[in-house]
C-alpha atoms as a PDB file:
ATOM      1  CA  MET A   1     -55.260 -18.069 -54.717  1.00  0.00           C
ATOM      2  CA  GLY A   2     -54.091 -20.096 -57.494  1.00  0.00           C
ATOM      3  CA  LYS A   3     -51.180 -21.067 -56.447  1.00  0.00           C
ATOM      4  CA  THR A   4     -49.843 -24.551 -56.376  1.00  0.00           C
ATOM      5  CA  ALA A   5     -47.015 -26.796 -55.106  1.00  0.00           C
ATOM      6  CA  SER A   6     -44.049 -27.520 -57.092  1.00  0.00           C
ATOM      7  CA  GLU A   7     -42.715 -30.425 -56.788  1.00  0.00           C
ATOM      8  CA  ALA A   8     -39.227 -30.042 -55.461  1.00  0.00           C
ATOM      9  CA  TYR A   9     -41.013 -27.893 -52.259  1.00  0.00           C
ATOM     10  CA  LEU A  10     -42.794 -31.086 -52.198  1.00  0.00           C
ATOM     11  CA  GLU A  11     -39.781 -32.873 -51.802  1.00  0.00           C
ATOM     12  CA  LYS A  12     -38.598 -30.263 -48.813  1.00  0.00           C
ATOM     13  CA  ALA A  13     -41.975 -30.579 -47.503  1.00  0.00           C
ATOM     14  CA  ARG A  14     -42.451 -34.634 -46.981  1.00  0.00           C
ATOM     15  CA  LEU A  15     -38.761 -34.451 -45.102  1.00  0.00           C
ATOM     16  CA  LEU A  16     -39.696 -32.728 -42.886  1.00  0.00           C
ATOM     17  CA  SER A  17     -40.991 -33.718 -39.118  1.00  0.00           C
ATOM     18  CA  ARG A  18     -44.184 -33.914 -38.046  1.00  0.00           C
ATOM     19  CA  LYS A  19     -42.981 -30.795 -35.730  1.00  0.00           C
ATOM     20  CA  GLU A  20     -42.299 -29.224 -38.279  1.00  0.00           C
ATOM     21  CA  THR A  21     -45.235 -29.352 -40.810  1.00  0.00           C
ATOM     22  CA  GLU A  22     -47.438 -28.892 -37.492  1.00  0.00           C
ATOM     23  CA  ARG A  23     -45.456 -25.275 -36.973  1.00  0.00           C
ATOM     24  CA  LEU A  24     -45.149 -24.660 -40.784  1.00  0.00           C
ATOM     25  CA  LEU A  25     -48.788 -25.253 -40.944  1.00  0.00           C
ATOM     26  CA  SER A  26     -50.268 -23.081 -37.986  1.00  0.00           C
ATOM     27  CA  ARG A  27     -48.081 -19.855 -39.719  1.00  0.00           C
ATOM     28  CA  ALA A  28     -50.060 -20.906 -42.993  1.00  0.00           C
ATOM     29  CA  ARG A  29     -51.941 -18.364 -44.258  1.00  0.00           C
ATOM     30  CA  GLU A  30     -55.590 -18.194 -43.777  1.00  0.00           C
ATOM     31  CA  LYS A  31     -56.363 -18.876 -47.813  1.00  0.00           C
ATOM     32  CA  LEU A  32     -54.017 -22.197 -47.321  1.00  0.00           C
ATOM     33  CA  ILE A  33     -55.803 -23.091 -44.141  1.00  0.00           C
ATOM     34  CA  ARG A  34     -59.718 -22.744 -45.649  1.00  0.00           C
ATOM     35  CA  ARG A  35     -58.120 -25.121 -49.095  1.00  0.00           C
ATOM     36  CA  LEU A  36     -57.357 -27.694 -46.662  1.00  0.00           C
ATOM     37  CA  GLU A  37     -60.351 -27.801 -44.560  1.00  0.00           C
ATOM     38  CA  VAL A  38     -61.838 -28.195 -47.810  1.00  0.00           C
ATOM     39  CA  LYS A  39     -60.178 -31.571 -48.875  1.00  0.00           C
ATOM     40  CA  LYS A  40     -59.046 -28.874 -51.676  1.00  0.00           C
ATOM     41  CA  LEU A  41     -55.461 -29.687 -51.052  1.00  0.00           C
ATOM     42  CA  SER A  42     -53.457 -31.543 -48.605  1.00  0.00           C
ATOM     43  CA  ALA A  43     -51.569 -31.059 -45.490  1.00  0.00           C
ATOM     44  CA  LEU A  44     -48.330 -31.729 -47.725  1.00  0.00           C
ATOM     45  CA  GLU A  45     -49.321 -29.914 -50.583  1.00  0.00           C
ATOM     46  CA  VAL A  46     -50.431 -25.969 -47.894  1.00  0.00           C
ATOM     47  CA  ALA A  47     -47.062 -27.378 -46.020  1.00  0.00           C
ATOM     48  CA  ALA A  48     -45.161 -26.828 -49.659  1.00  0.00           C
ATOM     49  CA  ILE A  49     -46.870 -24.257 -50.419  1.00  0.00           C
ATOM     50  CA  GLN A  50     -46.087 -22.252 -47.358  1.00  0.00           C
ATOM     51  CA  LEU A  51     -42.241 -23.491 -47.273  1.00  0.00           C
ATOM     52  CA  GLU A  52     -41.882 -22.016 -50.881  1.00  0.00           C
ATOM     53  CA  LEU A  53     -44.076 -18.914 -49.962  1.00  0.00           C
ATOM     54  CA  GLU A  54     -41.601 -18.447 -47.075  1.00  0.00           C
ATOM     55  CA  ASP A  55     -38.702 -18.969 -49.088  1.00  0.00           C
ATOM     56  CA  GLU A  56     -39.632 -15.892 -51.767  1.00  0.00           C
ATOM     57  CA  ALA A  57     -40.436 -13.351 -48.281  1.00  0.00           C
ATOM     58  CA  LEU A  58     -36.832 -14.878 -46.976  1.00  0.00           C
ATOM     59  CA  SER A  59     -35.157 -13.681 -50.381  1.00  0.00           C
ATOM     60  CA  GLU A  60     -37.198 -10.449 -50.770  1.00  0.00           C
ATOM     61  CA  TRP A  61     -35.829  -9.419 -47.479  1.00  0.00           C
ATOM     62  CA  ARG A  62     -33.230 -10.240 -47.309  1.00  0.00           C
ATOM     63  CA  GLU A  63     -32.444  -7.922 -49.739  1.00  0.00           C
ATOM     64  CA  ARG A  64     -34.742  -5.123 -48.828  1.00  0.00           C
ATOM     65  CA  MET A  65     -31.705  -5.603 -46.206  1.00  0.00           C
ATOM     66  CA  ALA A  66     -28.738  -5.510 -49.130  1.00  0.00           C
ATOM     67  CA  GLU A  67     -30.432  -2.596 -50.087  1.00  0.00           C
ATOM     68  CA  ILE A  68     -30.021  -0.991 -46.553  1.00  0.00           C
ATOM     69  CA  ARG A  69     -26.920  -2.400 -45.520  1.00  0.00           C
ATOM     70  CA  ASN A  70     -25.534  -0.169 -48.813  1.00  0.00           C
ATOM     71  CA  LYS A  71     -27.422   2.899 -48.020  1.00  0.00           C
ATOM     72  CA  THR A  72     -26.074   2.828 -43.839  1.00  0.00           C
ATOM     73  CA  LYS A  73     -22.337   2.896 -45.913  1.00  0.00           C
ATOM     74  CA  SER A  74     -22.431   4.918 -48.238  1.00  0.00           C
ATOM     75  CA  LYS A  75     -23.462   7.738 -45.213  1.00  0.00           C
END
């Protein structure tokens, strides 16, 4: 995983409370956590990348759900 945190997501991660950050990090992928453990990334960077990944996944899910709704309406 060569993904780096964008400035926009770093700013979003900075605004999270400690509890929100912990929850976000608990959902982080194994590769991200390993990069945190070996000090290649900071917790803030991992949180920012995880936020971005979750936003991308949510966007894809919304697109799929819209397709499903359209298919069921046309039947």
